[in-house]
Amino acid sequence: MEQALKKLSVLVVMLMLFFTTGAFAEDYLNVPVKGKVTMIDLGAKKCIPCKMMAPILVKLEKAYKGTADIVFIDVWENNKPAKRFKIRAIPTQIFFNEQGEEVYRHVGFFDEKSIVAQMTKMGVQEPDLKL
């Protein structure tokens, strides 16, 4: 029971960090970030797979800080980005190169290892994930 409470506490803290850090984009017009590789995760705070990805995105946003941008956009709160990026299902991850061109798109839960592999494939140095 204590172990479960500890895990739940960690998850709550990570979710709180996720929704208060740079990983959450209120201003979706500034994404993708020009001059940086950018991954946008379009989802919703109440979507189950999106909730599962939240701690991963928080971790990667910190790990890639200064190198690449990881951005979360809640399309249930604002559907304009869903239209702009032609989203049909959530979560959807879109990877953009430094010129702001879409390079890769994935629909559904996307694990940490796969995100890092895609970023590495795009020329971003693999981060230290022991943060």
N, C-alpha and C. Protein backbone atom coordinates (compact mmCIF):
# COMPACT_ATOMS: atom_id res chain seq x y z
N MET A 1 0.82 -1.19 0.00
CA MET A 1 0.00 0.00 0.00
C MET A 1 0.87 1.26 0.00
N GLU A 2 1.91 1.26 0.83
CA GLU A 2 2.80 2.41 0.91
C GLU A 2 3.51 2.62 -0.42
N GLN A 3 3.90 1.53 -1.06
CA GLN A 3 4.56 1.60 -2.37
C GLN A 3 3.63 2.25 -3.40
N ALA A 4 2.37 1.85 -3.40
CA ALA A 4 1.39 2.41 -4.34
C ALA A 4 1.19 3.90 -4.08
N LEU A 5 1.12 4.31 -2.84
CA LEU A 5 0.97 5.73 -2.51
C LEU A 5 2.17 6.54 -2.95
N LYS A 6 3.35 5.95 -2.80
CA LYS A 6 4.58 6.62 -3.22
C LYS A 6 4.57 6.84 -4.74
N LYS A 7 4.18 5.80 -5.49
CA LYS A 7 4.10 5.91 -6.95
C LYS A 7 3.06 6.94 -7.37
N LEU A 8 1.92 6.95 -6.70
CA LEU A 8 0.88 7.92 -7.01
C LEU A 8 1.36 9.34 -6.73
N SER A 9 2.07 9.54 -5.64
CA SER A 9 2.60 10.85 -5.30
C SER A 9 3.57 11.35 -6.36
N VAL A 10 4.45 10.47 -6.83
CA VAL A 10 5.40 10.83 -7.88
C VAL A 10 4.66 11.22 -9.15
N LEU A 11 3.64 10.45 -9.51
CA LEU A 11 2.86 10.75 -10.70
C LEU A 11 2.17 12.11 -10.59
N VAL A 12 1.58 12.39 -9.45
CA VAL A 12 0.90 13.68 -9.24
C VAL A 12 1.88 14.83 -9.38
N VAL A 13 3.06 14.70 -8.77
CA VAL A 13 4.07 15.75 -8.85
C VAL A 13 4.51 15.95 -10.29
N MET A 14 4.73 14.85 -11.02
CA MET A 14 5.15 14.97 -12.42
C MET A 14 4.08 15.62 -13.27
N LEU A 15 2.83 15.27 -13.03
CA LEU A 15 1.74 15.90 -13.78
C LEU A 15 1.66 17.38 -13.48
N MET A 16 1.86 17.75 -12.22
CA MET A 16 1.84 19.16 -11.85
C MET A 16 2.97 19.90 -12.55
N LEU A 17 4.15 19.30 -12.57
CA LEU A 17 5.28 19.91 -13.27
C LEU A 17 4.99 20.04 -14.75
N PHE A 18 4.39 19.00 -15.32
CA PHE A 18 4.09 18.99 -16.74
C PHE A 18 3.21 20.17 -17.14
N PHE A 19 2.21 20.44 -16.33
CA PHE A 19 1.27 21.48 -16.69
C PHE A 19 1.71 22.87 -16.24
N THR A 20 2.90 22.98 -15.63
CA THR A 20 3.40 24.29 -15.23
C THR A 20 4.76 24.60 -15.81
N THR A 21 5.29 23.74 -16.68
CA THR A 21 6.60 23.98 -17.28
C THR A 21 6.43 24.36 -18.74
N GLY A 22 7.55 24.55 -19.40
CA GLY A 22 7.55 24.89 -20.81
C GLY A 22 6.99 23.80 -21.70
N ALA A 23 6.78 22.63 -21.16
CA ALA A 23 6.26 21.53 -21.97
C ALA A 23 4.80 21.76 -22.34
N PHE A 24 4.14 22.71 -21.67
CA PHE A 24 2.74 22.99 -21.95
C PHE A 24 2.65 24.29 -22.74
N ALA A 25 2.10 24.25 -23.92
CA ALA A 25 2.09 25.42 -24.79
C ALA A 25 0.72 26.09 -24.81
N GLU A 26 0.63 27.24 -24.19
CA GLU A 26 -0.58 28.04 -24.29
C GLU A 26 -0.57 28.77 -25.64
N ASP A 27 0.62 29.19 -26.05
CA ASP A 27 0.76 29.96 -27.27
C ASP A 27 1.22 29.04 -28.40
N TYR A 28 0.26 28.32 -28.96
CA TYR A 28 0.59 27.32 -29.98
C TYR A 28 1.06 27.93 -31.29
N LEU A 29 0.89 29.23 -31.46
CA LEU A 29 1.31 29.88 -32.70
C LEU A 29 2.82 29.92 -32.85
N ASN A 30 3.54 29.79 -31.75
CA ASN A 30 5.00 29.84 -31.78
C ASN A 30 5.64 28.48 -31.94
N VAL A 31 4.86 27.49 -32.30
CA VAL A 31 5.41 26.16 -32.54
C VAL A 31 5.11 25.76 -33.97
N PRO A 32 6.02 25.08 -34.63
CA PRO A 32 7.31 24.63 -34.13
C PRO A 32 8.28 25.81 -33.92
N VAL A 33 9.26 25.59 -33.06
CA VAL A 33 10.24 26.62 -32.75
C VAL A 33 11.27 26.67 -33.87
N LYS A 34 11.37 27.80 -34.54
CA LYS A 34 12.33 27.94 -35.64
C LYS A 34 13.75 27.89 -35.10
N GLY A 35 14.61 27.17 -35.79
CA GLY A 35 16.00 27.06 -35.39
C GLY A 35 16.27 25.91 -34.44
N LYS A 36 15.23 25.18 -34.01
CA LYS A 36 15.40 24.04 -33.11
C LYS A 36 14.54 22.89 -33.58
N VAL A 37 15.04 21.68 -33.38
CA VAL A 37 14.19 20.51 -33.58
C VAL A 37 13.10 20.59 -32.52
N THR A 38 11.86 20.37 -32.93
CA THR A 38 10.72 20.48 -32.02
C THR A 38 9.83 19.26 -32.16
N MET A 39 9.41 18.74 -31.01
CA MET A 39 8.40 17.70 -31.01
C MET A 39 7.17 18.28 -30.33
N ILE A 40 6.04 18.22 -31.03
CA ILE A 40 4.78 18.68 -30.46
C ILE A 40 3.93 17.45 -30.18
N ASP A 41 3.42 17.38 -28.97
CA ASP A 41 2.48 16.31 -28.60
C ASP A 41 1.12 16.97 -28.48
N LEU A 42 0.22 16.63 -29.38
CA LEU A 42 -1.14 17.17 -29.35
C LEU A 42 -2.04 16.12 -28.72
N GLY A 43 -2.60 16.49 -27.58
CA GLY A 43 -3.42 15.56 -26.83
C GLY A 43 -4.38 16.30 -25.93
N ALA A 44 -4.68 15.72 -24.78
CA ALA A 44 -5.59 16.33 -23.82
C ALA A 44 -5.20 15.86 -22.42
N LYS A 45 -5.36 16.74 -21.45
CA LYS A 45 -5.01 16.42 -20.07
C LYS A 45 -5.82 15.25 -19.53
N LYS A 46 -7.02 15.03 -20.08
CA LYS A 46 -7.91 13.99 -19.57
C LYS A 46 -7.88 12.71 -20.40
N CYS A 47 -7.12 12.68 -21.45
CA CYS A 47 -6.99 11.50 -22.31
C CYS A 47 -6.03 10.52 -21.63
N ILE A 48 -6.42 9.24 -21.51
CA ILE A 48 -5.62 8.25 -20.79
C ILE A 48 -4.22 8.08 -21.38
N PRO A 49 -4.06 7.83 -22.69
CA PRO A 49 -2.70 7.70 -23.22
C PRO A 49 -1.89 8.99 -23.06
N CYS A 50 -2.58 10.14 -23.12
CA CYS A 50 -1.89 11.42 -22.94
C CYS A 50 -1.38 11.54 -21.51
N LYS A 51 -2.19 11.11 -20.55
CA LYS A 51 -1.77 11.13 -19.14
C LYS A 51 -0.55 10.21 -18.94
N MET A 52 -0.55 9.10 -19.64
CA MET A 52 0.57 8.16 -19.54
C MET A 52 1.85 8.78 -20.11
N MET A 53 1.70 9.64 -21.10
CA MET A 53 2.86 10.27 -21.72
C MET A 53 3.37 11.48 -20.93
N ALA A 54 2.54 12.06 -20.08
CA ALA A 54 2.89 13.29 -19.38
C ALA A 54 4.25 13.21 -18.67
N PRO A 55 4.51 12.19 -17.85
CA PRO A 55 5.82 12.15 -17.18
C PRO A 55 6.98 11.99 -18.15
N ILE A 56 6.76 11.31 -19.25
CA ILE A 56 7.80 11.14 -20.27
C ILE A 56 8.13 12.50 -20.88
N LEU A 57 7.09 13.27 -21.22
CA LEU A 57 7.30 14.57 -21.83
C LEU A 57 8.00 15.54 -20.87
N VAL A 58 7.63 15.49 -19.61
CA VAL A 58 8.28 16.35 -18.61
C VAL A 58 9.77 16.00 -18.54
N LYS A 59 10.07 14.73 -18.46
CA LYS A 59 11.46 14.27 -18.38
C LYS A 59 12.25 14.70 -19.61
N LEU A 60 11.67 14.48 -20.79
CA LEU A 60 12.38 14.81 -22.03
C LEU A 60 12.49 16.32 -22.24
N GLU A 61 11.49 17.06 -21.82
CA GLU A 61 11.56 18.52 -21.94
C GLU A 61 12.75 19.04 -21.15
N LYS A 62 12.97 18.50 -19.96
CA LYS A 62 14.13 18.90 -19.14
C LYS A 62 15.43 18.40 -19.76
N ALA A 63 15.43 17.17 -20.22
CA ALA A 63 16.65 16.57 -20.77
C ALA A 63 17.12 17.27 -22.04
N TYR A 64 16.20 17.74 -22.86
CA TYR A 64 16.55 18.39 -24.12
C TYR A 64 16.64 19.92 -24.01
N LYS A 65 16.44 20.46 -22.83
CA LYS A 65 16.43 21.91 -22.65
C LYS A 65 17.68 22.53 -23.27
N GLY A 66 17.45 23.54 -24.12
CA GLY A 66 18.54 24.22 -24.80
C GLY A 66 18.98 23.55 -26.09
N THR A 67 18.55 22.32 -26.30
CA THR A 67 18.95 21.56 -27.49
C THR A 67 17.80 21.39 -28.47
N ALA A 68 16.64 21.04 -27.93
CA ALA A 68 15.43 20.81 -28.73
C ALA A 68 14.24 21.16 -27.84
N ASP A 69 13.10 21.35 -28.46
CA ASP A 69 11.90 21.68 -27.69
C ASP A 69 10.88 20.55 -27.74
N ILE A 70 10.31 20.26 -26.57
CA ILE A 70 9.23 19.29 -26.42
C ILE A 70 8.03 20.09 -25.95
N VAL A 71 6.93 20.06 -26.70
CA VAL A 71 5.79 20.91 -26.42
C VAL A 71 4.50 20.08 -26.37
N PHE A 72 3.69 20.31 -25.35
CA PHE A 72 2.38 19.67 -25.24
C PHE A 72 1.31 20.71 -25.51
N ILE A 73 0.32 20.35 -26.34
CA ILE A 73 -0.82 21.22 -26.62
C ILE A 73 -2.09 20.44 -26.36
N ASP A 74 -2.94 20.98 -25.49
CA ASP A 74 -4.22 20.35 -25.16
C ASP A 74 -5.26 20.79 -26.20
N VAL A 75 -5.62 19.88 -27.07
CA VAL A 75 -6.55 20.22 -28.16
C VAL A 75 -8.01 20.14 -27.73
N TRP A 76 -8.27 19.65 -26.52
CA TRP A 76 -9.64 19.69 -26.00
C TRP A 76 -9.93 21.06 -25.42
N GLU A 77 -8.89 21.74 -24.95
CA GLU A 77 -9.06 23.09 -24.42
C GLU A 77 -9.07 24.12 -25.54
N ASN A 78 -8.35 23.84 -26.62
CA ASN A 78 -8.28 24.75 -27.75
C ASN A 78 -8.14 23.90 -29.01
N ASN A 79 -9.18 23.86 -29.82
CA ASN A 79 -9.14 22.98 -31.00
C ASN A 79 -8.47 23.60 -32.22
N LYS A 80 -8.08 24.87 -32.15
CA LYS A 80 -7.41 25.49 -33.30
C LYS A 80 -6.12 24.78 -33.69
N PRO A 81 -5.28 24.37 -32.73
CA PRO A 81 -4.07 23.62 -33.13
C PRO A 81 -4.41 22.29 -33.80
N ALA A 82 -5.48 21.65 -33.38
CA ALA A 82 -5.88 20.38 -34.01
C ALA A 82 -6.19 20.61 -35.48
N LYS A 83 -6.86 21.70 -35.77
CA LYS A 83 -7.16 22.03 -37.16
C LYS A 83 -5.88 22.41 -37.91
N ARG A 84 -5.07 23.24 -37.27
CA ARG A 84 -3.83 23.70 -37.91
C ARG A 84 -2.92 22.55 -38.30
N PHE A 85 -2.79 21.57 -37.38
CA PHE A 85 -1.88 20.45 -37.61
C PHE A 85 -2.58 19.21 -38.18
N LYS A 86 -3.87 19.36 -38.52
CA LYS A 86 -4.65 18.29 -39.16
C LYS A 86 -4.64 17.00 -38.33
N ILE A 87 -5.03 17.14 -37.06
CA ILE A 87 -5.05 16.01 -36.13
C ILE A 87 -6.35 15.26 -36.27
N ARG A 88 -6.26 13.94 -36.38
CA ARG A 88 -7.44 13.09 -36.49
C ARG A 88 -7.68 12.26 -35.24
N ALA A 89 -6.61 12.05 -34.45
CA ALA A 89 -6.70 11.27 -33.21
C ALA A 89 -5.64 11.79 -32.24
N ILE A 90 -5.89 11.56 -30.95
CA ILE A 90 -4.91 11.97 -29.95
C ILE A 90 -4.49 10.77 -29.11
N PRO A 91 -3.29 10.81 -28.61
CA PRO A 91 -2.26 11.82 -28.85
C PRO A 91 -1.61 11.63 -30.23
N THR A 92 -1.17 12.74 -30.78
CA THR A 92 -0.40 12.74 -32.02
C THR A 92 0.88 13.51 -31.75
N GLN A 93 2.01 12.92 -32.12
CA GLN A 93 3.29 13.59 -31.97
C GLN A 93 3.80 13.96 -33.36
N ILE A 94 4.21 15.22 -33.48
CA ILE A 94 4.76 15.69 -34.75
C ILE A 94 6.17 16.21 -34.48
N PHE A 95 7.11 15.76 -35.28
CA PHE A 95 8.51 16.17 -35.17
C PHE A 95 8.84 17.11 -36.31
N PHE A 96 9.45 18.24 -35.97
CA PHE A 96 9.82 19.27 -36.94
C PHE A 96 11.33 19.47 -36.91
N ASN A 97 11.94 19.70 -38.09
CA ASN A 97 13.36 19.99 -38.14
C ASN A 97 13.61 21.47 -37.80
N GLU A 98 14.86 21.88 -37.87
CA GLU A 98 15.22 23.26 -37.52
C GLU A 98 14.56 24.30 -38.41
N GLN A 99 14.20 23.92 -39.61
CA GLN A 99 13.54 24.85 -40.54
C GLN A 99 12.03 24.92 -40.31
N GLY A 100 11.53 24.14 -39.37
CA GLY A 100 10.09 24.14 -39.08
C GLY A 100 9.29 23.23 -39.99
N GLU A 101 9.98 22.34 -40.70
CA GLU A 101 9.31 21.41 -41.60
C GLU A 101 9.00 20.10 -40.88
N GLU A 102 7.79 19.59 -41.09
CA GLU A 102 7.42 18.32 -40.49
C GLU A 102 8.26 17.20 -41.09
N VAL A 103 8.85 16.40 -40.20
CA VAL A 103 9.72 15.30 -40.62
C VAL A 103 9.08 13.95 -40.33
N TYR A 104 8.36 13.88 -39.21
CA TYR A 104 7.80 12.59 -38.79
C TYR A 104 6.55 12.84 -37.96
N ARG A 105 5.58 11.92 -38.08
CA ARG A 105 4.34 12.02 -37.32
C ARG A 105 3.99 10.63 -36.79
N HIS A 106 3.52 10.60 -35.53
CA HIS A 106 3.12 9.35 -34.89
C HIS A 106 1.79 9.58 -34.19
N VAL A 107 0.90 8.60 -34.27
CA VAL A 107 -0.40 8.70 -33.59
C VAL A 107 -0.46 7.61 -32.52
N GLY A 108 -0.86 8.00 -31.30
CA GLY A 108 -0.99 7.07 -30.19
C GLY A 108 0.11 7.28 -29.16
N PHE A 109 0.09 6.44 -28.13
CA PHE A 109 1.12 6.51 -27.10
C PHE A 109 2.48 6.29 -27.74
N PHE A 110 3.45 7.10 -27.35
CA PHE A 110 4.80 7.01 -27.90
C PHE A 110 5.76 6.95 -26.73
N ASP A 111 6.48 5.85 -26.58
CA ASP A 111 7.33 5.68 -25.41
C ASP A 111 8.62 6.51 -25.50
N GLU A 112 9.25 6.66 -24.36
CA GLU A 112 10.46 7.49 -24.24
C GLU A 112 11.55 7.05 -25.21
N LYS A 113 11.81 5.77 -25.26
CA LYS A 113 12.88 5.23 -26.11
C LYS A 113 12.64 5.59 -27.59
N SER A 114 11.40 5.50 -28.03
CA SER A 114 11.07 5.79 -29.42
C SER A 114 11.19 7.29 -29.72
N ILE A 115 10.79 8.13 -28.77
CA ILE A 115 10.93 9.58 -28.95
C ILE A 115 12.41 9.94 -29.06
N VAL A 116 13.22 9.41 -28.15
CA VAL A 116 14.66 9.69 -28.17
C VAL A 116 15.27 9.20 -29.48
N ALA A 117 14.86 8.02 -29.94
CA ALA A 117 15.39 7.47 -31.20
C ALA A 117 15.06 8.40 -32.37
N GLN A 118 13.84 8.92 -32.41
CA GLN A 118 13.45 9.83 -33.50
C GLN A 118 14.24 11.13 -33.42
N MET A 119 14.41 11.67 -32.22
CA MET A 119 15.17 12.91 -32.05
C MET A 119 16.62 12.69 -32.48
N THR A 120 17.19 11.54 -32.12
CA THR A 120 18.57 11.21 -32.50
C THR A 120 18.69 11.09 -34.00
N LYS A 121 17.70 10.44 -34.61
CA LYS A 121 17.66 10.30 -36.06
C LYS A 121 17.65 11.66 -36.76
N MET A 122 17.08 12.65 -36.08
CA MET A 122 17.00 14.00 -36.63
C MET A 122 18.23 14.85 -36.31
N GLY A 123 19.23 14.22 -35.69
CA GLY A 123 20.49 14.90 -35.45
C GLY A 123 20.63 15.54 -34.07
N VAL A 124 19.68 15.29 -33.18
CA VAL A 124 19.77 15.84 -31.82
C VAL A 124 20.52 14.83 -30.96
N GLN A 125 21.54 15.32 -30.25
CA GLN A 125 22.32 14.43 -29.40
C GLN A 125 21.45 13.81 -28.32
N GLU A 126 21.63 12.53 -28.10
CA GLU A 126 20.86 11.82 -27.07
C GLU A 126 21.16 12.43 -25.70
N PRO A 127 20.11 12.77 -24.95
CA PRO A 127 20.33 13.44 -23.66
C PRO A 127 20.68 12.46 -22.55
N ASP A 128 21.16 13.02 -21.44
CA ASP A 128 21.40 12.23 -20.24
C ASP A 128 20.05 12.07 -19.56
N LEU A 129 19.50 10.87 -19.59
CA LEU A 129 18.15 10.64 -19.05
C LEU A 129 18.15 10.25 -17.59
N LYS A 130 19.26 10.44 -16.92
CA LYS A 130 19.34 10.13 -15.49
C LYS A 130 18.97 11.34 -14.65
N LEU A 131 18.33 12.33 -15.25
CA LEU A 131 17.95 13.56 -14.54
C LEU A 131 16.91 13.29 -13.50
